[in-house]
Amino acid sequence: MAGETARRARPPGGPAVAGRSASLPQPGELARVVHRVAVLLGAGVAPAAAWRHAEGLDPPWWAWAIADAARRSPTAVPDAIRAVAEAGRARAAPKADTAAEATGARTGAAASLLGVAAMWRVAAVAGAPIAPALRAAVEALRAEEERRRAAAVALAGPAATIRLVIAMPLVAVAFGALLGYDTIGVLAGTPIGWACVVGGVALLLVARAWGRRLVAAATRAESLPGLESELLAIAMGGGGAHDRARSLVVETLADLGLPARLDDADESVAIAVAAGAPVAELLRAEAQESRRAAAATAASRTAALETSLMIPLGVCALPAFFLLGVVPLLVAVMSSTIAAI
């Protein structure tokens, strides 16, 4: 009983922030939590209790922060989600090794959270039910997670290739030493060895950075594609006119720092009006099509990555192997041969 009381009394962002759980949830984990929140809200549970219990008896810091805001007012939830996203990406970006990784840290989990915040706010302002809006968010998040997992699987082979080729010079040095040649002595104690070390290490660093940039470019994609169409469908589901609903979506996206590209959504609305079809259904279909197109584009990029990675490997990694592995071995063989004569 005392432990339960302590868990309930723990302030949002408390001790868990310093540990591993301080990171933001990935789209798959966030989809699971948001789905639970939607179910609990549909069952009549208050928003604060829904967020507090959706992640178990001991929720992470970000769920506590959102639950604390919901306890004050359900309309404060989007701002709390945005604050959580800002806090999480501020911690993630300094840990990134490259600018591309820092950009990914800002646009990955944080963008997923901001998408949920946008759907919650649009539903609340438009007077639409929040639970169905969250279910739409769950669908988008799960599509994002599937795309992320597919990219990770496709990148496993190229990443292993990079690690293997970068490790080859070290293997060559060790192999020469096992054969009885003083390759390490050549690298450490001769001008030729020093030049080989400087050139080889520089080439390996260039190959590593080049490969990372190629991977980042191949995996960079729009977060939550079709979000604008989903938001417009939610806004119009509240009974508002198209112009008012569109203004609400644009204002919400701008306030959350998300791009507002509504060309496809506007086209879907025009088609639905001209055909006399339900606008919301066509907008949701457009959102699903955007997610499928994004998944296909991501798959095409990752498939082409394995070929493009051969460029830094051939230009940098193989010459590094020659400098660090072959040249010292040749020098050691020639030195031992001359000494024997």
C-alpha atoms as a PDB file:
ATOM      1  CA  MET A   1       0.000   0.000   0.000  1.00  0.00           C
ATOM      2  CA  ALA A   2       2.847   2.379   0.869  1.00  0.00           C
ATOM      3  CA  GLY A   3       4.558   1.631  -2.444  1.00  0.00           C
ATOM      4  CA  GLU A   4       1.378   2.385  -4.366  1.00  0.00           C
ATOM      5  CA  THR A   5       0.989   5.667  -2.494  1.00  0.00           C
ATOM      6  CA  ALA A   6       4.564   6.600  -3.329  1.00  0.00           C
ATOM      7  CA  ARG A   7       4.031   5.871  -6.995  1.00  0.00           C
ATOM      8  CA  ARG A   8       0.911   8.010  -7.100  1.00  0.00           C
ATOM      9  CA  ALA A   9       2.685  10.832  -5.278  1.00  0.00           C
ATOM     10  CA  ARG A  10       5.726  10.832  -7.524  1.00  0.00           C
ATOM     11  CA  PRO A  11       5.885  14.119  -9.442  1.00  0.00           C
ATOM     12  CA  PRO A  12       5.977  14.050 -13.235  1.00  0.00           C
ATOM     13  CA  GLY A  13       9.488  13.958 -14.545  1.00  0.00           C
ATOM     14  CA  GLY A  14      10.851  12.736 -11.209  1.00  0.00           C
ATOM     15  CA  PRO A  15      13.599  10.187 -10.668  1.00  0.00           C
ATOM     16  CA  ALA A  16      12.891   8.294 -13.876  1.00  0.00           C
ATOM     17  CA  VAL A  17      14.132  11.228 -15.952  1.00  0.00           C
ATOM     18  CA  ALA A  18      17.728  10.557 -14.989  1.00  0.00           C
ATOM     19  CA  GLY A  19      17.566   6.922 -16.047  1.00  0.00           C
ATOM     20  CA  ARG A  20      16.959   5.055 -19.215  1.00  0.00           C
ATOM     21  CA  SER A  21      13.240   5.820 -19.173  1.00  0.00           C
ATOM     22  CA  ALA A  22      14.051   9.504 -19.719  1.00  0.00           C
ATOM     23  CA  SER A  23      13.964   8.890 -23.474  1.00  0.00           C
ATOM     24  CA  LEU A  24      10.865   9.580 -25.500  1.00  0.00           C
ATOM     25  CA  PRO A  25       8.657   6.673 -26.597  1.00  0.00           C
ATOM     26  CA  GLN A  26       9.164   5.297 -30.084  1.00  0.00           C
ATOM     27  CA  PRO A  27       6.115   5.244 -32.389  1.00  0.00           C
ATOM     28  CA  GLY A  28       5.270   1.616 -31.534  1.00  0.00           C
ATOM     29  CA  GLU A  29       5.301   2.207 -27.781  1.00  0.00           C
ATOM     30  CA  LEU A  30       3.435   5.494 -28.169  1.00  0.00           C
ATOM     31  CA  ALA A  31       0.792   3.773 -30.324  1.00  0.00           C
ATOM     32  CA  ARG A  32       0.214   1.183 -27.607  1.00  0.00           C
ATOM     33  CA  VAL A  33      -0.209   3.859 -24.930  1.00  0.00           C
ATOM     34  CA  VAL A  34      -2.420   6.102 -27.059  1.00  0.00           C
ATOM     35  CA  HIS A  35      -4.582   3.116 -27.974  1.00  0.00           C
ATOM     36  CA  ARG A  36      -5.095   2.354 -24.296  1.00  0.00           C
ATOM     37  CA  VAL A  37      -5.930   5.990 -23.617  1.00  0.00           C
ATOM     38  CA  ALA A  38      -8.511   5.926 -26.413  1.00  0.00           C
ATOM     39  CA  VAL A  39     -10.115   2.777 -25.003  1.00  0.00           C
ATOM     40  CA  LEU A  40     -10.185   4.195 -21.484  1.00  0.00           C
ATOM     41  CA  LEU A  41     -11.658   7.485 -22.669  1.00  0.00           C
ATOM     42  CA  GLY A  42     -14.306   5.587 -24.612  1.00  0.00           C
ATOM     43  CA  ALA A  43     -15.164   3.711 -21.416  1.00  0.00           C
ATOM     44  CA  GLY A  44     -15.757   6.983 -19.589  1.00  0.00           C
ATOM     45  CA  VAL A  45     -12.432   7.255 -17.729  1.00  0.00           C
ATOM     46  CA  ALA A  46     -11.225  10.802 -17.090  1.00  0.00           C
ATOM     47  CA  PRO A  47      -8.279  11.950 -19.275  1.00  0.00           C
ATOM     48  CA  ALA A  48      -5.901  12.285 -16.308  1.00  0.00           C
ATOM     49  CA  ALA A  49      -6.609   8.758 -15.100  1.00  0.00           C
ATOM     50  CA  ALA A  50      -6.428   7.401 -18.650  1.00  0.00           C
ATOM     51  CA  TRP A  51      -2.925   8.794 -19.208  1.00  0.00           C
ATOM     52  CA  ARG A  52      -1.769   7.799 -15.727  1.00  0.00           C
ATOM     53  CA  HIS A  53      -2.838   4.158 -16.067  1.00  0.00           C
ATOM     54  CA  ALA A  54      -2.257   3.563 -19.780  1.00  0.00           C
ATOM     55  CA  GLU A  55       1.427   2.721 -19.224  1.00  0.00           C
ATOM     56  CA  GLY A  56       0.957   0.514 -16.172  1.00  0.00           C
ATOM     57  CA  LEU A  57       1.175   1.116 -12.436  1.00  0.00           C
ATOM     58  CA  ASP A  58       4.527   2.893 -12.663  1.00  0.00           C
ATOM     59  CA  PRO A  59       4.305   5.044 -15.822  1.00  0.00           C
ATOM     60  CA  PRO A  60       7.352   6.844 -17.285  1.00  0.00           C
ATOM     61  CA  TRP A  61       7.998  10.524 -16.775  1.00  0.00           C
ATOM     62  CA  TRP A  62       6.314  11.663 -19.975  1.00  0.00           C
ATOM     63  CA  ALA A  63       3.039   9.860 -19.168  1.00  0.00           C
ATOM     64  CA  TRP A  64       3.061  11.424 -15.693  1.00  0.00           C
ATOM     65  CA  ALA A  65       3.620  14.875 -17.195  1.00  0.00           C
ATOM     66  CA  ILE A  66       0.670  14.485 -19.575  1.00  0.00           C
ATOM     67  CA  ALA A  67      -1.539  13.051 -16.809  1.00  0.00           C
ATOM     68  CA  ASP A  68      -0.666  15.992 -14.566  1.00  0.00           C
ATOM     69  CA  ALA A  69      -1.742  18.447 -17.275  1.00  0.00           C
ATOM     70  CA  ALA A  70      -4.948  16.489 -17.938  1.00  0.00           C
ATOM     71  CA  ARG A  71      -5.771  16.655 -14.238  1.00  0.00           C
ATOM     72  CA  ARG A  72      -5.724  20.439 -14.460  1.00  0.00           C
ATOM     73  CA  SER A  73      -7.707  20.587 -17.717  1.00  0.00           C
ATOM     74  CA  PRO A  74      -8.116  18.231 -20.709  1.00  0.00           C
ATOM     75  CA  THR A  75      -7.431  21.187 -23.003  1.00  0.00           C
ATOM     76  CA  ALA A  76      -3.935  21.462 -21.465  1.00  0.00           C
ATOM     77  CA  VAL A  77      -2.946  18.025 -22.778  1.00  0.00           C
ATOM     78  CA  PRO A  78      -1.617  19.198 -26.196  1.00  0.00           C
ATOM     79  CA  ASP A  79       0.630  21.791 -24.565  1.00  0.00           C
ATOM     80  CA  ALA A  80       1.907  19.170 -22.113  1.00  0.00           C
ATOM     81  CA  ILE A  81       2.673  16.760 -24.963  1.00  0.00           C
ATOM     82  CA  ARG A  82       4.540  19.521 -26.788  1.00  0.00           C
ATOM     83  CA  ALA A  83       6.564  20.292 -23.639  1.00  0.00           C
ATOM     84  CA  VAL A  84       7.427  16.598 -23.299  1.00  0.00           C
ATOM     85  CA  ALA A  85       8.526  16.454 -26.948  1.00  0.00           C
ATOM     86  CA  GLU A  86      10.699  19.552 -26.554  1.00  0.00           C
ATOM     87  CA  ALA A  87      12.294  18.193 -23.383  1.00  0.00           C
ATOM     88  CA  GLY A  88      12.961  14.799 -24.951  1.00  0.00           C
ATOM     89  CA  ARG A  89      14.524  16.063 -28.153  1.00  0.00           C
ATOM     90  CA  ALA A  90      16.648  18.581 -26.241  1.00  0.00           C
ATOM     91  CA  ARG A  91      18.184  15.621 -24.384  1.00  0.00           C
ATOM     92  CA  ALA A  92      18.526  13.498 -27.522  1.00  0.00           C
ATOM     93  CA  ALA A  93      20.204  16.013 -29.853  1.00  0.00           C
ATOM     94  CA  PRO A  94      23.426  16.609 -27.824  1.00  0.00           C
ATOM     95  CA  LYS A  95      24.058  12.845 -27.759  1.00  0.00           C
ATOM     96  CA  ALA A  96      24.013  12.588 -31.550  1.00  0.00           C
ATOM     97  CA  ASP A  97      27.384  12.137 -33.260  1.00  0.00           C
ATOM     98  CA  THR A  98      26.486  14.057 -36.417  1.00  0.00           C
ATOM     99  CA  ALA A  99      24.196  16.860 -37.487  1.00  0.00           C
ATOM    100  CA  ALA A 100      22.099  14.343 -39.429  1.00  0.00           C
ATOM    101  CA  GLU A 101      21.621  12.248 -36.302  1.00  0.00           C
ATOM    102  CA  ALA A 102      20.706  15.369 -34.333  1.00  0.00           C
ATOM    103  CA  THR A 103      18.060  16.175 -36.928  1.00  0.00           C
ATOM    104  CA  GLY A 104      16.730  12.628 -36.640  1.00  0.00           C
ATOM    105  CA  ALA A 105      16.545  12.976 -32.866  1.00  0.00           C
ATOM    106  CA  ARG A 106      14.423  16.092 -33.311  1.00  0.00           C
ATOM    107  CA  THR A 107      12.090  14.661 -35.916  1.00  0.00           C
ATOM    108  CA  GLY A 108      11.553  11.067 -34.752  1.00  0.00           C
ATOM    109  CA  ALA A 109       9.840  10.362 -31.470  1.00  0.00           C
ATOM    110  CA  ALA A 110       9.230  14.081 -30.847  1.00  0.00           C
ATOM    111  CA  ALA A 111       7.356  14.464 -34.133  1.00  0.00           C
ATOM    112  CA  SER A 112       5.174  11.463 -33.288  1.00  0.00           C
ATOM    113  CA  LEU A 113       4.242  13.063 -29.970  1.00  0.00           C
ATOM    114  CA  LEU A 114       3.482  16.359 -31.689  1.00  0.00           C
ATOM    115  CA  GLY A 115       1.187  14.545 -34.115  1.00  0.00           C
ATOM    116  CA  VAL A 116      -0.787  13.135 -31.202  1.00  0.00           C
ATOM    117  CA  ALA A 117      -0.930  16.607 -29.657  1.00  0.00           C
ATOM    118  CA  ALA A 118      -2.264  18.045 -32.921  1.00  0.00           C
ATOM    119  CA  MET A 119      -5.036  15.446 -33.147  1.00  0.00           C
ATOM    120  CA  TRP A 120      -6.039  15.982 -29.517  1.00  0.00           C
ATOM    121  CA  ARG A 121      -6.151  19.776 -29.923  1.00  0.00           C
ATOM    122  CA  VAL A 122      -8.086  19.747 -33.195  1.00  0.00           C
ATOM    123  CA  ALA A 123     -10.647  17.331 -31.762  1.00  0.00           C
ATOM    124  CA  ALA A 124     -11.033  19.383 -28.578  1.00  0.00           C
ATOM    125  CA  VAL A 125     -11.413  22.728 -30.350  1.00  0.00           C
ATOM    126  CA  ALA A 126     -13.699  21.375 -33.089  1.00  0.00           C
ATOM    127  CA  GLY A 127     -15.916  19.604 -30.568  1.00  0.00           C
ATOM    128  CA  ALA A 128     -15.219  16.174 -32.053  1.00  0.00           C
ATOM    129  CA  PRO A 129     -14.877  13.058 -29.862  1.00  0.00           C
ATOM    130  CA  ILE A 130     -11.286  12.662 -28.705  1.00  0.00           C
ATOM    131  CA  ALA A 131     -11.259   8.861 -28.537  1.00  0.00           C
ATOM    132  CA  PRO A 132     -11.843   8.346 -32.300  1.00  0.00           C
ATOM    133  CA  ALA A 133      -9.208  11.002 -33.007  1.00  0.00           C
ATOM    134  CA  LEU A 134      -6.719   9.060 -30.897  1.00  0.00           C
ATOM    135  CA  ARG A 135      -7.580   5.868 -32.758  1.00  0.00           C
ATOM    136  CA  ALA A 136      -6.646   7.659 -35.981  1.00  0.00           C
ATOM    137  CA  ALA A 137      -3.380   8.660 -34.318  1.00  0.00           C
ATOM    138  CA  VAL A 138      -2.780   5.020 -33.372  1.00  0.00           C
ATOM    139  CA  GLU A 139      -3.168   3.931 -36.994  1.00  0.00           C
ATOM    140  CA  ALA A 140      -0.678   6.572 -38.148  1.00  0.00           C
ATOM    141  CA  LEU A 141       1.799   5.682 -35.397  1.00  0.00           C
ATOM    142  CA  ARG A 142       1.658   1.980 -36.171  1.00  0.00           C
ATOM    143  CA  ALA A 143       2.291   2.672 -39.840  1.00  0.00           C
ATOM    144  CA  GLU A 144       5.275   4.803 -38.780  1.00  0.00           C
ATOM    145  CA  GLU A 145       6.610   1.994 -36.590  1.00  0.00           C
ATOM    146  CA  GLU A 146       6.243  -0.579 -39.376  1.00  0.00           C
ATOM    147  CA  ARG A 147       8.156   1.704 -41.722  1.00  0.00           C
ATOM    148  CA  ARG A 148      10.887   2.217 -39.119  1.00  0.00           C
ATOM    149  CA  ARG A 149      11.248  -1.520 -38.521  1.00  0.00           C
ATOM    150  CA  ALA A 150      11.371  -2.265 -42.242  1.00  0.00           C
ATOM    151  CA  ALA A 151      14.139   0.309 -42.641  1.00  0.00           C
ATOM    152  CA  ALA A 152      16.069  -1.192 -39.727  1.00  0.00           C
ATOM    153  CA  VAL A 153      15.868  -4.658 -41.292  1.00  0.00           C
ATOM    154  CA  ALA A 154      16.943  -3.355 -44.690  1.00  0.00           C
ATOM    155  CA  LEU A 155      19.875  -1.471 -43.152  1.00  0.00           C
ATOM    156  CA  ALA A 156      21.174  -4.409 -41.132  1.00  0.00           C
ATOM    157  CA  GLY A 157      23.192  -5.805 -44.049  1.00  0.00           C
ATOM    158  CA  PRO A 158      24.812  -2.507 -45.155  1.00  0.00           C
ATOM    159  CA  ALA A 159      25.626  -1.592 -41.541  1.00  0.00           C
ATOM    160  CA  ALA A 160      27.352  -4.934 -41.019  1.00  0.00           C
ATOM    161  CA  THR A 161      29.306  -4.404 -44.240  1.00  0.00           C
ATOM    162  CA  ILE A 162      30.524  -1.000 -43.044  1.00  0.00           C
ATOM    163  CA  ARG A 163      31.685  -2.410 -39.710  1.00  0.00           C
ATOM    164  CA  LEU A 164      33.454  -5.332 -41.396  1.00  0.00           C
ATOM    165  CA  VAL A 165      35.317  -3.220 -43.947  1.00  0.00           C
ATOM    166  CA  ILE A 166      36.366  -0.642 -41.347  1.00  0.00           C
ATOM    167  CA  ALA A 167      37.703  -3.453 -39.148  1.00  0.00           C
ATOM    168  CA  MET A 168      39.695  -5.049 -41.992  1.00  0.00           C
ATOM    169  CA  PRO A 169      42.847  -2.882 -41.571  1.00  0.00           C
ATOM    170  CA  LEU A 170      43.108  -3.829 -37.894  1.00  0.00           C
ATOM    171  CA  VAL A 171      42.686  -7.481 -38.823  1.00  0.00           C
ATOM    172  CA  ALA A 172      45.428  -7.131 -41.431  1.00  0.00           C
ATOM    173  CA  VAL A 173      47.828  -5.623 -38.888  1.00  0.00           C
ATOM    174  CA  ALA A 174      47.139  -8.437 -36.432  1.00  0.00           C
ATOM    175  CA  PHE A 175      47.497 -11.033 -39.209  1.00  0.00           C
ATOM    176  CA  GLY A 176      50.923  -9.694 -40.175  1.00  0.00           C
ATOM    177  CA  ALA A 177      52.051  -9.836 -36.547  1.00  0.00           C
ATOM    178  CA  LEU A 178      50.864 -13.452 -36.284  1.00  0.00           C
ATOM    179  CA  LEU A 179      52.970 -14.331 -39.329  1.00  0.00           C
ATOM    180  CA  GLY A 180      56.014 -13.123 -37.437  1.00  0.00           C
ATOM    181  CA  TYR A 181      56.508  -9.771 -39.140  1.00  0.00           C
ATOM    182  CA  ASP A 182      56.847  -6.593 -37.079  1.00  0.00           C
ATOM    183  CA  THR A 183      53.998  -4.696 -38.719  1.00  0.00           C
ATOM    184  CA  ILE A 184      53.140  -2.927 -35.476  1.00  0.00           C
ATOM    185  CA  GLY A 185      56.750  -1.823 -35.115  1.00  0.00           C
ATOM    186  CA  VAL A 186      56.715  -0.468 -38.668  1.00  0.00           C
ATOM    187  CA  LEU A 187      53.548   1.536 -37.970  1.00  0.00           C
ATOM    188  CA  ALA A 188      54.778   2.846 -34.620  1.00  0.00           C
ATOM    189  CA  GLY A 189      58.476   3.365 -35.251  1.00  0.00           C
ATOM    190  CA  THR A 190      59.116   4.409 -38.845  1.00  0.00           C
ATOM    191  CA  PRO A 191      58.257   7.534 -40.879  1.00  0.00           C
ATOM    192  CA  ILE A 192      56.527   5.360 -43.480  1.00  0.00           C
ATOM    193  CA  GLY A 193      54.451   3.760 -40.726  1.00  0.00           C
ATOM    194  CA  TRP A 194      53.506   7.136 -39.258  1.00  0.00           C
ATOM    195  CA  ALA A 195      52.363   8.342 -42.672  1.00  0.00           C
ATOM    196  CA  CYS A 196      50.354   5.138 -43.147  1.00  0.00           C
ATOM    197  CA  VAL A 197      48.690   5.559 -39.728  1.00  0.00           C
ATOM    198  CA  VAL A 198      47.733   9.182 -40.366  1.00  0.00           C
ATOM    199  CA  GLY A 199      46.437   8.510 -43.871  1.00  0.00           C
ATOM    200  CA  GLY A 200      44.685   5.258 -42.991  1.00  0.00           C
ATOM    201  CA  VAL A 201      42.940   6.601 -39.890  1.00  0.00           C
ATOM    202  CA  ALA A 202      41.862   9.728 -41.781  1.00  0.00           C
ATOM    203  CA  LEU A 203      40.399   7.603 -44.576  1.00  0.00           C
ATOM    204  CA  LEU A 204      38.563   5.389 -42.086  1.00  0.00           C
ATOM    205  CA  LEU A 205      37.059   8.415 -40.358  1.00  0.00           C
ATOM    206  CA  VAL A 206      35.960   9.836 -43.705  1.00  0.00           C
ATOM    207  CA  ALA A 207      34.426   6.483 -44.686  1.00  0.00           C
ATOM    208  CA  ARG A 208      32.572   6.272 -41.377  1.00  0.00           C
ATOM    209  CA  ALA A 209      31.189   9.807 -41.619  1.00  0.00           C
ATOM    210  CA  TRP A 210      30.318   9.385 -45.303  1.00  0.00           C
ATOM    211  CA  GLY A 211      28.489   6.132 -44.625  1.00  0.00           C
ATOM    212  CA  ARG A 212      26.529   7.667 -41.764  1.00  0.00           C
ATOM    213  CA  ARG A 213      25.441  10.551 -43.951  1.00  0.00           C
ATOM    214  CA  LEU A 214      24.260   8.165 -46.652  1.00  0.00           C
ATOM    215  CA  VAL A 215      22.312   6.144 -44.083  1.00  0.00           C
ATOM    216  CA  ALA A 216      20.752   9.293 -42.604  1.00  0.00           C
ATOM    217  CA  ALA A 217      19.748  10.529 -46.074  1.00  0.00           C
ATOM    218  CA  ALA A 218      18.210   7.160 -46.941  1.00  0.00           C
ATOM    219  CA  THR A 219      16.214   6.938 -43.717  1.00  0.00           C
ATOM    220  CA  ARG A 220      15.125  10.578 -43.580  1.00  0.00           C
ATOM    221  CA  ALA A 221      11.414  10.799 -44.255  1.00  0.00           C
ATOM    222  CA  GLU A 222       8.349  12.791 -43.351  1.00  0.00           C
ATOM    223  CA  SER A 223       7.027  11.912 -39.904  1.00  0.00           C
ATOM    224  CA  LEU A 224       3.377  10.822 -39.842  1.00  0.00           C
ATOM    225  CA  PRO A 225       2.578  11.318 -43.540  1.00  0.00           C
ATOM    226  CA  GLY A 226      -1.068  12.120 -44.147  1.00  0.00           C
ATOM    227  CA  LEU A 227      -1.350  13.943 -40.825  1.00  0.00           C
ATOM    228  CA  GLU A 228      -2.943  17.001 -42.443  1.00  0.00           C
ATOM    229  CA  SER A 229      -5.702  14.917 -44.029  1.00  0.00           C
ATOM    230  CA  GLU A 230      -6.386  13.139 -40.738  1.00  0.00           C
ATOM    231  CA  LEU A 231      -6.565  16.457 -38.899  1.00  0.00           C
ATOM    232  CA  LEU A 232      -8.944  17.970 -41.443  1.00  0.00           C
ATOM    233  CA  ALA A 233     -11.158  14.881 -41.227  1.00  0.00           C
ATOM    234  CA  ILE A 234     -11.254  15.216 -37.427  1.00  0.00           C
ATOM    235  CA  ALA A 235     -11.995  18.941 -37.599  1.00  0.00           C
ATOM    236  CA  MET A 236     -14.838  18.477 -40.066  1.00  0.00           C
ATOM    237  CA  GLY A 237     -16.133  15.583 -37.966  1.00  0.00           C
ATOM    238  CA  GLY A 238     -16.957  18.156 -35.298  1.00  0.00           C
ATOM    239  CA  GLY A 239     -19.586  19.645 -37.597  1.00  0.00           C
ATOM    240  CA  GLY A 240     -17.638  22.719 -38.680  1.00  0.00           C
ATOM    241  CA  ALA A 241     -17.472  24.184 -42.163  1.00  0.00           C
ATOM    242  CA  HIS A 242     -14.506  23.417 -44.359  1.00  0.00           C
ATOM    243  CA  ASP A 243     -12.946  26.894 -44.183  1.00  0.00           C
ATOM    244  CA  ARG A 244     -13.153  26.985 -40.396  1.00  0.00           C
ATOM    245  CA  ALA A 245     -11.849  23.432 -40.082  1.00  0.00           C
ATOM    246  CA  ARG A 246      -8.958  24.188 -42.426  1.00  0.00           C
ATOM    247  CA  SER A 247      -8.018  27.313 -40.491  1.00  0.00           C
ATOM    248  CA  LEU A 248      -8.024  25.302 -37.275  1.00  0.00           C
ATOM    249  CA  VAL A 249      -5.697  22.684 -38.777  1.00  0.00           C
ATOM    250  CA  VAL A 250      -3.295  25.275 -40.163  1.00  0.00           C
ATOM    251  CA  GLU A 251      -3.223  27.176 -36.867  1.00  0.00           C
ATOM    252  CA  THR A 252      -2.651  23.991 -34.860  1.00  0.00           C
ATOM    253  CA  LEU A 253       0.177  22.771 -37.058  1.00  0.00           C
ATOM    254  CA  ALA A 254       1.873  26.178 -37.012  1.00  0.00           C
ATOM    255  CA  ASP A 255       1.596  26.414 -33.229  1.00  0.00           C
ATOM    256  CA  LEU A 256       3.175  22.971 -32.787  1.00  0.00           C
ATOM    257  CA  GLY A 257       5.941  23.685 -35.286  1.00  0.00           C
ATOM    258  CA  LEU A 258       4.741  21.082 -37.792  1.00  0.00           C
ATOM    259  CA  PRO A 259       4.621  21.657 -41.567  1.00  0.00           C
ATOM    260  CA  ALA A 260       1.200  22.461 -43.002  1.00  0.00           C
ATOM    261  CA  ARG A 261       0.979  20.893 -46.469  1.00  0.00           C
ATOM    262  CA  LEU A 262      -2.722  20.699 -47.224  1.00  0.00           C
ATOM    263  CA  ASP A 263      -2.651  20.451 -51.023  1.00  0.00           C
ATOM    264  CA  ASP A 264      -3.672  16.777 -51.064  1.00  0.00           C
ATOM    265  CA  ALA A 265      -6.294  17.349 -48.375  1.00  0.00           C
ATOM    266  CA  ASP A 266      -7.796  20.293 -50.282  1.00  0.00           C
ATOM    267  CA  GLU A 267      -7.953  18.179 -53.438  1.00  0.00           C
ATOM    268  CA  SER A 268      -9.749  15.398 -51.567  1.00  0.00           C
ATOM    269  CA  VAL A 269     -12.276  17.891 -50.198  1.00  0.00           C
ATOM    270  CA  ALA A 270     -12.909  19.303 -53.675  1.00  0.00           C
ATOM    271  CA  ILE A 271     -13.437  15.807 -55.117  1.00  0.00           C
ATOM    272  CA  ALA A 272     -15.778  14.832 -52.288  1.00  0.00           C
ATOM    273  CA  VAL A 273     -17.845  18.025 -52.686  1.00  0.00           C
ATOM    274  CA  ALA A 274     -18.059  17.621 -56.455  1.00  0.00           C
ATOM    275  CA  ALA A 275     -19.087  13.967 -56.156  1.00  0.00           C
ATOM    276  CA  GLY A 276     -21.398  14.439 -53.177  1.00  0.00           C
ATOM    277  CA  ALA A 277     -19.374  11.925 -51.154  1.00  0.00           C
ATOM    278  CA  PRO A 278     -18.546  12.016 -47.416  1.00  0.00           C
ATOM    279  CA  VAL A 279     -15.591  14.350 -47.028  1.00  0.00           C
ATOM    280  CA  ALA A 280     -14.150  12.759 -43.891  1.00  0.00           C
ATOM    281  CA  GLU A 281     -13.998   9.286 -45.416  1.00  0.00           C
ATOM    282  CA  LEU A 282     -12.173  10.529 -48.490  1.00  0.00           C
ATOM    283  CA  LEU A 283      -9.720  12.465 -46.317  1.00  0.00           C
ATOM    284  CA  ARG A 284      -8.947   9.376 -44.266  1.00  0.00           C
ATOM    285  CA  ALA A 285      -8.447   7.385 -47.463  1.00  0.00           C
ATOM    286  CA  GLU A 286      -6.012  10.064 -48.651  1.00  0.00           C
ATOM    287  CA  ALA A 287      -4.115   9.799 -45.354  1.00  0.00           C
ATOM    288  CA  GLN A 288      -3.817   6.026 -45.726  1.00  0.00           C
ATOM    289  CA  GLU A 289      -2.566   6.438 -49.286  1.00  0.00           C
ATOM    290  CA  SER A 290       0.049   8.944 -48.088  1.00  0.00           C
ATOM    291  CA  ARG A 291       1.304   6.437 -45.519  1.00  0.00           C
ATOM    292  CA  ARG A 292       1.526   3.668 -48.115  1.00  0.00           C
ATOM    293  CA  ALA A 293       3.405   5.958 -50.521  1.00  0.00           C
ATOM    294  CA  ALA A 294       5.836   6.968 -47.769  1.00  0.00           C
ATOM    295  CA  ALA A 295       6.486   3.312 -46.929  1.00  0.00           C
ATOM    296  CA  ALA A 296       7.178   2.512 -50.586  1.00  0.00           C
ATOM    297  CA  THR A 297       9.559   5.471 -50.906  1.00  0.00           C
ATOM    298  CA  ALA A 298      11.419   4.457 -47.754  1.00  0.00           C
ATOM    299  CA  ALA A 299      11.770   0.890 -49.017  1.00  0.00           C
ATOM    300  CA  SER A 300      13.162   2.137 -52.343  1.00  0.00           C
ATOM    301  CA  ARG A 301      15.718   4.362 -50.620  1.00  0.00           C
ATOM    302  CA  THR A 302      16.979   1.667 -48.289  1.00  0.00           C
ATOM    303  CA  ALA A 303      17.212  -0.805 -51.172  1.00  0.00           C
ATOM    304  CA  ALA A 304      19.424   1.630 -53.096  1.00  0.00           C
ATOM    305  CA  LEU A 305      21.562   2.318 -50.030  1.00  0.00           C
ATOM    306  CA  GLU A 306      23.515  -0.937 -50.266  1.00  0.00           C
ATOM    307  CA  THR A 307      24.813   0.098 -53.690  1.00  0.00           C
ATOM    308  CA  SER A 308      25.586   3.699 -52.734  1.00  0.00           C
ATOM    309  CA  LEU A 309      27.546   2.538 -49.675  1.00  0.00           C
ATOM    310  CA  MET A 310      30.060   0.878 -51.990  1.00  0.00           C
ATOM    311  CA  ILE A 311      31.334   4.339 -52.967  1.00  0.00           C
ATOM    312  CA  PRO A 312      32.822   5.357 -49.568  1.00  0.00           C
ATOM    313  CA  LEU A 313      33.970   1.798 -49.011  1.00  0.00           C
ATOM    314  CA  GLY A 314      35.827   1.725 -52.320  1.00  0.00           C
ATOM    315  CA  VAL A 315      37.154   5.279 -52.171  1.00  0.00           C
ATOM    316  CA  CYS A 316      38.175   5.363 -48.506  1.00  0.00           C
ATOM    317  CA  ALA A 317      38.013   2.021 -46.691  1.00  0.00           C
ATOM    318  CA  LEU A 318      39.954  -0.082 -49.183  1.00  0.00           C
ATOM    319  CA  PRO A 319      42.828   2.450 -49.495  1.00  0.00           C
ATOM    320  CA  ALA A 320      42.902   2.573 -45.689  1.00  0.00           C
ATOM    321  CA  PHE A 321      43.225  -1.203 -45.661  1.00  0.00           C
ATOM    322  CA  PHE A 322      46.152  -0.921 -48.074  1.00  0.00           C
ATOM    323  CA  LEU A 323      47.871   1.758 -45.962  1.00  0.00           C
ATOM    324  CA  LEU A 324      47.373   0.102 -42.586  1.00  0.00           C
ATOM    325  CA  GLY A 325      47.562  -3.537 -43.558  1.00  0.00           C
ATOM    326  CA  VAL A 326      49.471  -4.106 -46.789  1.00  0.00           C
ATOM    327  CA  VAL A 327      52.160  -1.395 -46.757  1.00  0.00           C
ATOM    328  CA  PRO A 328      53.429  -2.191 -43.216  1.00  0.00           C
ATOM    329  CA  LEU A 329      53.519  -5.878 -44.053  1.00  0.00           C
ATOM    330  CA  LEU A 330      55.545  -5.220 -47.233  1.00  0.00           C
ATOM    331  CA  VAL A 331      57.955  -2.953 -45.344  1.00  0.00           C
ATOM    332  CA  ALA A 332      58.349  -5.554 -42.585  1.00  0.00           C
ATOM    333  CA  VAL A 333      58.987  -8.345 -45.133  1.00  0.00           C
ATOM    334  CA  MET A 334      61.539  -6.235 -47.018  1.00  0.00           C
ATOM    335  CA  SER A 335      63.287  -5.238 -43.761  1.00  0.00           C
ATOM    336  CA  SER A 336      63.551  -8.839 -42.581  1.00  0.00           C
ATOM    337  CA  THR A 337      64.796  -9.950 -45.993  1.00  0.00           C
ATOM    338  CA  ILE A 338      67.484  -7.243 -46.093  1.00  0.00           C
ATOM    339  CA  ALA A 339      68.510  -8.039 -42.516  1.00  0.00           C
ATOM    340  CA  ALA A 340      68.843 -11.733 -43.412  1.00  0.00           C
ATOM    341  CA  ILE A 341      71.120 -10.883 -46.331  1.00  0.00           C
END
